[in-house]
Amino acid sequence: MKRFLAALCLCALALGGVGVRADAVTVSAPSAVLMEKTTGTVLYAKDEHTPREPASVTKIMTLLLTMEAIDSGALSYDDVVTASAHASSMGGSQIWLREGEKMTVRELLKAVCVVSGNDAAVALAEHLAGSEDAFAERMN
C-alpha cells in the first residue's frame, strides 16, 4: 500500500507541479486527497469522506504488480518492453503504441499514471506475465 500511495503522490506531483499551494489548486473531480507519504499529512482534500468507486482498478493493479516485480528484482525500470499487436490495438485512453515499438518500463509506468494508457498497461502486463490473460490471473 505504501508503494501505491508513493506512486500516486508522484503522479499527483507530476501533474500538479512542485511548489503549488494547496489552496490554489482547482480539482474538477468530485473528491480528491493528496497526502505526504512519510508523515501522512494531508496536503489537499476535497470531499474526501464520500465513498466512491475506484476509477481504474485494473490499472492500479497493473502498477502494483509492476512495482512489486521491480522491488523483487524480477524487473527493472530500464528494461525494454516491445509492444505487441494486441497492446497496440487497445482503444480508449492510450499513448498510441505501434506494434513492435520499444519503450522502457519507466516510460510505460509514466504512461499508465499520467495518461491512463490502456495500451501501455497491456504492454506491461504482457511483458510481466506473457499474456493479458496470464496477468489477469496474477491480479486475481
N, C-alpha and C. Protein backbone atom coordinates (compact mmCIF):
# COMPACT_ATOMS: atom_id res chain seq x y z
N MET A 1 0.83 -1.19 0.00
CA MET A 1 0.00 0.00 0.00
C MET A 1 0.87 1.25 0.00
N LYS A 2 2.00 1.18 0.73
CA LYS A 2 2.90 2.34 0.78
C LYS A 2 3.42 2.67 -0.61
N ARG A 3 3.74 1.61 -1.40
CA ARG A 3 4.25 1.86 -2.75
C ARG A 3 3.18 2.50 -3.62
N PHE A 4 1.95 2.04 -3.47
CA PHE A 4 0.85 2.62 -4.26
C PHE A 4 0.67 4.09 -3.92
N LEU A 5 0.66 4.43 -2.62
CA LEU A 5 0.49 5.83 -2.22
C LEU A 5 1.66 6.69 -2.70
N ALA A 6 2.86 6.11 -2.66
CA ALA A 6 4.02 6.85 -3.15
C ALA A 6 3.89 7.12 -4.64
N ALA A 7 3.45 6.10 -5.39
CA ALA A 7 3.27 6.28 -6.83
C ALA A 7 2.17 7.30 -7.12
N LEU A 8 1.10 7.24 -6.33
CA LEU A 8 0.00 8.18 -6.51
C LEU A 8 0.47 9.61 -6.23
N CYS A 9 1.25 9.80 -5.18
CA CYS A 9 1.78 11.13 -4.87
C CYS A 9 2.70 11.61 -5.98
N LEU A 10 3.54 10.71 -6.50
CA LEU A 10 4.44 11.07 -7.58
C LEU A 10 3.66 11.51 -8.80
N CYS A 11 2.60 10.77 -9.12
CA CYS A 11 1.75 11.14 -10.26
C CYS A 11 1.10 12.50 -10.01
N ALA A 12 0.62 12.72 -8.80
CA ALA A 12 -0.03 13.99 -8.49
C ALA A 12 0.95 15.15 -8.61
N LEU A 13 2.18 14.94 -8.15
CA LEU A 13 3.18 15.99 -8.27
C LEU A 13 3.53 16.24 -9.72
N ALA A 14 3.64 15.16 -10.51
CA ALA A 14 3.96 15.31 -11.93
C ALA A 14 2.87 16.08 -12.66
N LEU A 15 1.63 15.84 -12.28
CA LEU A 15 0.52 16.53 -12.93
C LEU A 15 0.32 17.95 -12.41
N GLY A 16 0.55 18.13 -11.11
CA GLY A 16 0.23 19.41 -10.49
C GLY A 16 1.40 20.37 -10.38
N GLY A 17 2.59 19.88 -10.56
CA GLY A 17 3.75 20.76 -10.44
C GLY A 17 4.21 20.87 -9.00
N VAL A 18 5.44 21.19 -8.82
CA VAL A 18 6.03 21.34 -7.50
C VAL A 18 5.91 22.79 -7.07
N GLY A 19 5.61 23.00 -5.81
CA GLY A 19 5.54 24.35 -5.29
C GLY A 19 4.17 25.00 -5.42
N VAL A 20 3.17 24.26 -5.77
CA VAL A 20 1.82 24.80 -5.87
C VAL A 20 1.19 24.74 -4.49
N ARG A 21 0.59 25.83 -4.06
CA ARG A 21 -0.10 25.85 -2.77
C ARG A 21 -1.40 25.07 -2.88
N ALA A 22 -1.73 24.32 -1.83
CA ALA A 22 -2.95 23.50 -1.84
C ALA A 22 -4.19 24.36 -2.00
N ASP A 23 -4.20 25.55 -1.42
CA ASP A 23 -5.40 26.40 -1.54
C ASP A 23 -5.53 27.03 -2.93
N ALA A 24 -4.48 26.89 -3.76
CA ALA A 24 -4.52 27.44 -5.11
C ALA A 24 -4.90 26.37 -6.14
N VAL A 25 -5.07 25.13 -5.69
CA VAL A 25 -5.37 24.02 -6.59
C VAL A 25 -6.87 23.96 -6.86
N THR A 26 -7.22 23.79 -8.13
CA THR A 26 -8.61 23.57 -8.51
C THR A 26 -8.70 22.17 -9.10
N VAL A 27 -9.54 21.34 -8.52
CA VAL A 27 -9.70 19.97 -8.97
C VAL A 27 -11.13 19.79 -9.45
N SER A 28 -11.31 19.32 -10.68
CA SER A 28 -12.66 19.15 -11.22
C SER A 28 -13.31 17.86 -10.74
N ALA A 29 -12.52 16.92 -10.22
CA ALA A 29 -13.07 15.66 -9.70
C ALA A 29 -13.95 15.94 -8.49
N PRO A 30 -14.96 15.09 -8.27
CA PRO A 30 -15.83 15.31 -7.12
C PRO A 30 -15.13 15.13 -5.78
N SER A 31 -14.10 14.29 -5.73
CA SER A 31 -13.34 14.06 -4.50
C SER A 31 -11.87 13.90 -4.83
N ALA A 32 -11.01 14.30 -3.89
CA ALA A 32 -9.57 14.13 -4.09
C ALA A 32 -8.86 14.22 -2.75
N VAL A 33 -7.73 13.51 -2.65
CA VAL A 33 -6.87 13.59 -1.46
C VAL A 33 -5.43 13.49 -1.95
N LEU A 34 -4.57 14.38 -1.45
CA LEU A 34 -3.14 14.32 -1.70
C LEU A 34 -2.47 14.30 -0.34
N MET A 35 -1.67 13.25 -0.09
CA MET A 35 -1.09 13.05 1.23
C MET A 35 0.42 12.90 1.12
N GLU A 36 1.16 13.49 2.04
CA GLU A 36 2.60 13.33 2.09
C GLU A 36 2.89 11.93 2.61
N LYS A 37 3.72 11.16 1.89
CA LYS A 37 3.85 9.74 2.19
C LYS A 37 4.56 9.43 3.51
N THR A 38 5.49 10.23 3.92
CA THR A 38 6.24 9.91 5.14
C THR A 38 5.47 10.24 6.40
N THR A 39 4.87 11.41 6.44
CA THR A 39 4.17 11.85 7.66
C THR A 39 2.68 11.54 7.65
N GLY A 40 2.12 11.32 6.46
CA GLY A 40 0.67 11.11 6.37
C GLY A 40 -0.10 12.41 6.41
N THR A 41 0.60 13.54 6.37
CA THR A 41 -0.06 14.84 6.40
C THR A 41 -0.87 15.05 5.13
N VAL A 42 -2.13 15.40 5.28
CA VAL A 42 -2.98 15.67 4.14
C VAL A 42 -2.64 17.06 3.61
N LEU A 43 -2.20 17.10 2.36
CA LEU A 43 -1.81 18.36 1.72
C LEU A 43 -2.98 19.02 1.01
N TYR A 44 -3.90 18.20 0.53
CA TYR A 44 -5.08 18.72 -0.16
C TYR A 44 -6.20 17.70 0.01
N ALA A 45 -7.40 18.18 0.29
CA ALA A 45 -8.56 17.29 0.39
C ALA A 45 -9.79 18.01 -0.12
N LYS A 46 -10.62 17.26 -0.81
CA LYS A 46 -11.90 17.78 -1.30
C LYS A 46 -12.91 16.65 -1.21
N ASP A 47 -13.91 16.80 -0.37
CA ASP A 47 -14.97 15.80 -0.20
C ASP A 47 -14.38 14.40 -0.03
N GLU A 48 -13.37 14.30 0.83
CA GLU A 48 -12.60 13.06 0.96
C GLU A 48 -13.30 11.93 1.69
N HIS A 49 -14.41 12.20 2.37
CA HIS A 49 -15.08 11.15 3.14
C HIS A 49 -16.26 10.51 2.41
N THR A 50 -16.60 11.02 1.25
CA THR A 50 -17.69 10.43 0.48
C THR A 50 -17.19 9.14 -0.17
N PRO A 51 -17.85 8.01 0.08
CA PRO A 51 -17.42 6.76 -0.56
C PRO A 51 -17.56 6.84 -2.08
N ARG A 52 -16.53 6.42 -2.80
CA ARG A 52 -16.52 6.45 -4.26
C ARG A 52 -15.92 5.15 -4.78
N GLU A 53 -16.37 4.75 -5.95
CA GLU A 53 -15.78 3.58 -6.62
C GLU A 53 -14.41 3.98 -7.17
N PRO A 54 -13.42 3.09 -7.13
CA PRO A 54 -12.12 3.42 -7.71
C PRO A 54 -12.23 3.61 -9.22
N ALA A 55 -11.44 4.51 -9.74
CA ALA A 55 -11.53 4.89 -11.15
C ALA A 55 -11.06 3.78 -12.08
N SER A 56 -9.95 3.16 -11.79
CA SER A 56 -9.40 2.18 -12.72
C SER A 56 -8.62 1.14 -11.94
N VAL A 57 -9.35 0.21 -11.34
CA VAL A 57 -8.72 -0.80 -10.50
C VAL A 57 -7.71 -1.63 -11.29
N THR A 58 -8.02 -1.93 -12.53
CA THR A 58 -7.11 -2.74 -13.35
C THR A 58 -5.77 -2.04 -13.53
N LYS A 59 -5.80 -0.75 -13.78
CA LYS A 59 -4.54 -0.02 -13.96
C LYS A 59 -3.79 0.11 -12.63
N ILE A 60 -4.52 0.29 -11.56
CA ILE A 60 -3.87 0.35 -10.24
C ILE A 60 -3.20 -0.99 -9.94
N MET A 61 -3.89 -2.08 -10.24
CA MET A 61 -3.29 -3.40 -10.02
C MET A 61 -2.09 -3.61 -10.94
N THR A 62 -2.16 -3.11 -12.16
CA THR A 62 -1.02 -3.21 -13.08
C THR A 62 0.18 -2.47 -12.49
N LEU A 63 -0.06 -1.27 -11.98
CA LEU A 63 1.02 -0.51 -11.35
C LEU A 63 1.57 -1.25 -10.13
N LEU A 64 0.69 -1.80 -9.31
CA LEU A 64 1.12 -2.50 -8.10
C LEU A 64 1.98 -3.72 -8.45
N LEU A 65 1.49 -4.56 -9.37
CA LEU A 65 2.25 -5.76 -9.73
C LEU A 65 3.57 -5.41 -10.42
N THR A 66 3.58 -4.34 -11.20
CA THR A 66 4.82 -3.89 -11.83
C THR A 66 5.82 -3.43 -10.77
N MET A 67 5.35 -2.64 -9.82
CA MET A 67 6.24 -2.15 -8.76
C MET A 67 6.73 -3.29 -7.88
N GLU A 68 5.89 -4.28 -7.62
CA GLU A 68 6.33 -5.45 -6.85
C GLU A 68 7.41 -6.23 -7.61
N ALA A 69 7.26 -6.34 -8.92
CA ALA A 69 8.29 -7.02 -9.73
C ALA A 69 9.60 -6.25 -9.70
N ILE A 70 9.53 -4.93 -9.71
CA ILE A 70 10.73 -4.11 -9.61
C ILE A 70 11.37 -4.29 -8.23
N ASP A 71 10.55 -4.24 -7.18
CA ASP A 71 11.07 -4.41 -5.82
C ASP A 71 11.74 -5.77 -5.61
N SER A 72 11.20 -6.81 -6.26
CA SER A 72 11.74 -8.16 -6.07
C SER A 72 12.98 -8.40 -6.95
N GLY A 73 13.26 -7.49 -7.87
CA GLY A 73 14.41 -7.64 -8.76
C GLY A 73 14.08 -8.39 -10.04
N ALA A 74 12.83 -8.80 -10.21
CA ALA A 74 12.43 -9.52 -11.43
C ALA A 74 12.31 -8.59 -12.63
N LEU A 75 12.25 -7.30 -12.37
CA LEU A 75 12.05 -6.30 -13.41
C LEU A 75 12.83 -5.05 -13.03
N SER A 76 13.25 -4.30 -14.02
CA SER A 76 13.98 -3.05 -13.79
C SER A 76 13.27 -1.91 -14.51
N TYR A 77 13.40 -0.71 -13.99
CA TYR A 77 12.84 0.47 -14.66
C TYR A 77 13.40 0.63 -16.07
N ASP A 78 14.61 0.15 -16.28
CA ASP A 78 15.28 0.32 -17.57
C ASP A 78 15.05 -0.84 -18.54
N ASP A 79 14.33 -1.88 -18.12
CA ASP A 79 14.01 -2.98 -19.03
C ASP A 79 13.22 -2.44 -20.21
N VAL A 80 13.49 -2.99 -21.38
CA VAL A 80 12.80 -2.56 -22.59
C VAL A 80 11.63 -3.51 -22.88
N VAL A 81 10.47 -2.92 -23.14
CA VAL A 81 9.25 -3.66 -23.45
C VAL A 81 8.90 -3.40 -24.91
N THR A 82 8.59 -4.46 -25.62
CA THR A 82 8.18 -4.34 -27.03
C THR A 82 6.67 -4.50 -27.10
N ALA A 83 6.01 -3.53 -27.70
CA ALA A 83 4.55 -3.56 -27.80
C ALA A 83 4.10 -4.62 -28.80
N SER A 84 3.15 -5.42 -28.36
CA SER A 84 2.57 -6.44 -29.24
C SER A 84 1.46 -5.83 -30.10
N ALA A 85 1.00 -6.61 -31.07
CA ALA A 85 -0.15 -6.17 -31.88
C ALA A 85 -1.36 -5.98 -30.98
N HIS A 86 -1.51 -6.88 -30.01
CA HIS A 86 -2.66 -6.78 -29.10
C HIS A 86 -2.60 -5.50 -28.28
N ALA A 87 -1.44 -5.21 -27.69
CA ALA A 87 -1.31 -3.99 -26.88
C ALA A 87 -1.57 -2.75 -27.72
N SER A 88 -1.07 -2.75 -28.93
CA SER A 88 -1.24 -1.56 -29.78
C SER A 88 -2.66 -1.40 -30.31
N SER A 89 -3.49 -2.43 -30.14
CA SER A 89 -4.87 -2.36 -30.64
C SER A 89 -5.86 -1.84 -29.60
N MET A 90 -5.39 -1.52 -28.42
CA MET A 90 -6.30 -1.06 -27.35
C MET A 90 -6.96 0.26 -27.73
N GLY A 91 -8.19 0.41 -27.37
CA GLY A 91 -8.90 1.66 -27.59
C GLY A 91 -8.93 2.48 -26.32
N GLY A 92 -9.78 3.47 -26.29
CA GLY A 92 -9.92 4.31 -25.11
C GLY A 92 -8.71 5.19 -24.90
N SER A 93 -8.39 5.44 -23.66
CA SER A 93 -7.25 6.27 -23.31
C SER A 93 -5.97 5.51 -23.67
N GLN A 94 -5.09 6.13 -24.44
CA GLN A 94 -3.91 5.42 -24.90
C GLN A 94 -2.78 6.38 -25.27
N ILE A 95 -1.60 5.81 -25.48
CA ILE A 95 -0.45 6.61 -25.91
C ILE A 95 -0.11 6.31 -27.37
N TRP A 96 -0.95 5.55 -28.04
CA TRP A 96 -0.81 5.23 -29.45
C TRP A 96 0.45 4.43 -29.74
N LEU A 97 0.69 3.38 -28.93
CA LEU A 97 1.80 2.47 -29.19
C LEU A 97 1.61 1.80 -30.54
N ARG A 98 2.70 1.62 -31.25
CA ARG A 98 2.67 0.87 -32.51
C ARG A 98 3.23 -0.52 -32.25
N GLU A 99 2.73 -1.51 -32.97
CA GLU A 99 3.26 -2.86 -32.85
C GLU A 99 4.77 -2.84 -33.09
N GLY A 100 5.51 -3.47 -32.19
CA GLY A 100 6.97 -3.51 -32.30
C GLY A 100 7.68 -2.32 -31.68
N GLU A 101 6.94 -1.30 -31.28
CA GLU A 101 7.56 -0.13 -30.64
C GLU A 101 8.15 -0.54 -29.30
N LYS A 102 9.32 0.00 -29.00
CA LYS A 102 10.02 -0.33 -27.76
C LYS A 102 10.03 0.87 -26.82
N MET A 103 9.69 0.59 -25.57
CA MET A 103 9.73 1.62 -24.52
C MET A 103 10.23 0.97 -23.24
N THR A 104 10.81 1.77 -22.36
CA THR A 104 11.28 1.23 -21.08
C THR A 104 10.10 1.08 -20.12
N VAL A 105 10.31 0.27 -19.11
CA VAL A 105 9.31 0.12 -18.06
C VAL A 105 9.01 1.48 -17.44
N ARG A 106 10.04 2.28 -17.21
CA ARG A 106 9.87 3.62 -16.64
C ARG A 106 8.92 4.46 -17.49
N GLU A 107 9.11 4.46 -18.81
CA GLU A 107 8.26 5.24 -19.70
C GLU A 107 6.83 4.73 -19.70
N LEU A 108 6.67 3.41 -19.68
CA LEU A 108 5.32 2.84 -19.67
C LEU A 108 4.60 3.11 -18.35
N LEU A 109 5.34 3.08 -17.25
CA LEU A 109 4.72 3.43 -15.95
C LEU A 109 4.19 4.87 -15.98
N LYS A 110 4.98 5.77 -16.53
CA LYS A 110 4.53 7.16 -16.65
C LYS A 110 3.28 7.24 -17.52
N ALA A 111 3.24 6.47 -18.59
CA ALA A 111 2.10 6.49 -19.50
C ALA A 111 0.84 5.98 -18.80
N VAL A 112 0.98 4.98 -17.95
CA VAL A 112 -0.18 4.46 -17.21
C VAL A 112 -0.62 5.48 -16.17
N CYS A 113 0.33 6.08 -15.45
CA CYS A 113 0.00 7.04 -14.39
C CYS A 113 -0.56 8.35 -14.92
N VAL A 114 0.08 8.91 -15.91
CA VAL A 114 -0.26 10.26 -16.37
C VAL A 114 -1.37 10.24 -17.42
N VAL A 115 -1.30 9.32 -18.37
CA VAL A 115 -2.24 9.30 -19.48
C VAL A 115 -3.34 8.26 -19.27
N SER A 116 -3.13 7.35 -18.31
CA SER A 116 -4.04 6.23 -18.09
C SER A 116 -4.10 5.35 -19.35
N GLY A 117 -2.95 5.17 -19.97
CA GLY A 117 -2.85 4.47 -21.25
C GLY A 117 -3.17 2.99 -21.17
N ASN A 118 -4.27 2.60 -21.83
CA ASN A 118 -4.64 1.19 -21.89
C ASN A 118 -3.57 0.37 -22.60
N ASP A 119 -3.03 0.90 -23.69
CA ASP A 119 -2.01 0.19 -24.45
C ASP A 119 -0.74 0.00 -23.63
N ALA A 120 -0.37 1.01 -22.86
CA ALA A 120 0.82 0.91 -22.01
C ALA A 120 0.61 -0.12 -20.90
N ALA A 121 -0.58 -0.15 -20.31
CA ALA A 121 -0.89 -1.12 -19.26
C ALA A 121 -0.84 -2.54 -19.81
N VAL A 122 -1.39 -2.76 -20.99
CA VAL A 122 -1.38 -4.10 -21.59
C VAL A 122 0.04 -4.51 -21.96
N ALA A 123 0.85 -3.58 -22.47
CA ALA A 123 2.24 -3.89 -22.80
C ALA A 123 3.00 -4.33 -21.54
N LEU A 124 2.79 -3.64 -20.43
CA LEU A 124 3.43 -4.03 -19.17
C LEU A 124 2.93 -5.40 -18.72
N ALA A 125 1.62 -5.61 -18.80
CA ALA A 125 1.03 -6.89 -18.37
C ALA A 125 1.60 -8.05 -19.17
N GLU A 126 1.66 -7.88 -20.49
CA GLU A 126 2.20 -8.95 -21.34
C GLU A 126 3.68 -9.20 -21.06
N HIS A 127 4.41 -8.13 -20.81
CA HIS A 127 5.84 -8.28 -20.52
C HIS A 127 6.05 -9.04 -19.21
N LEU A 128 5.23 -8.76 -18.22
CA LEU A 128 5.37 -9.39 -16.91
C LEU A 128 4.90 -10.84 -16.89
N ALA A 129 3.79 -11.12 -17.57
CA ALA A 129 3.17 -12.44 -17.43
C ALA A 129 3.09 -13.24 -18.72
N GLY A 130 3.48 -12.66 -19.84
CA GLY A 130 3.43 -13.38 -21.10
C GLY A 130 2.17 -13.12 -21.91
N SER A 131 1.07 -12.86 -21.22
CA SER A 131 -0.19 -12.55 -21.91
C SER A 131 -1.09 -11.76 -20.96
N GLU A 132 -2.07 -11.10 -21.55
CA GLU A 132 -3.02 -10.34 -20.73
C GLU A 132 -3.81 -11.28 -19.82
N ASP A 133 -4.20 -12.45 -20.34
CA ASP A 133 -4.95 -13.42 -19.53
C ASP A 133 -4.12 -13.93 -18.35
N ALA A 134 -2.85 -14.23 -18.58
CA ALA A 134 -1.98 -14.70 -17.50
C ALA A 134 -1.80 -13.59 -16.46
N PHE A 135 -1.73 -12.36 -16.91
CA PHE A 135 -1.60 -11.24 -15.97
C PHE A 135 -2.86 -11.10 -15.14
N ALA A 136 -4.03 -11.28 -15.76
CA ALA A 136 -5.30 -11.21 -15.03
C ALA A 136 -5.34 -12.27 -13.93
N GLU A 137 -4.78 -13.44 -14.21
CA GLU A 137 -4.70 -14.49 -13.19
C GLU A 137 -3.85 -14.03 -12.01
N ARG A 138 -2.75 -13.34 -12.29
CA ARG A 138 -1.91 -12.80 -11.21
C ARG A 138 -2.65 -11.77 -10.38
N MET A 139 -3.44 -10.94 -11.08
CA MET A 139 -4.22 -9.91 -10.36
C MET A 139 -5.24 -10.56 -9.43
N ASN A 140 -5.81 -11.66 -9.86
CA ASN A 140 -6.83 -12.34 -9.06
C ASN A 140 -6.20 -13.17 -7.97
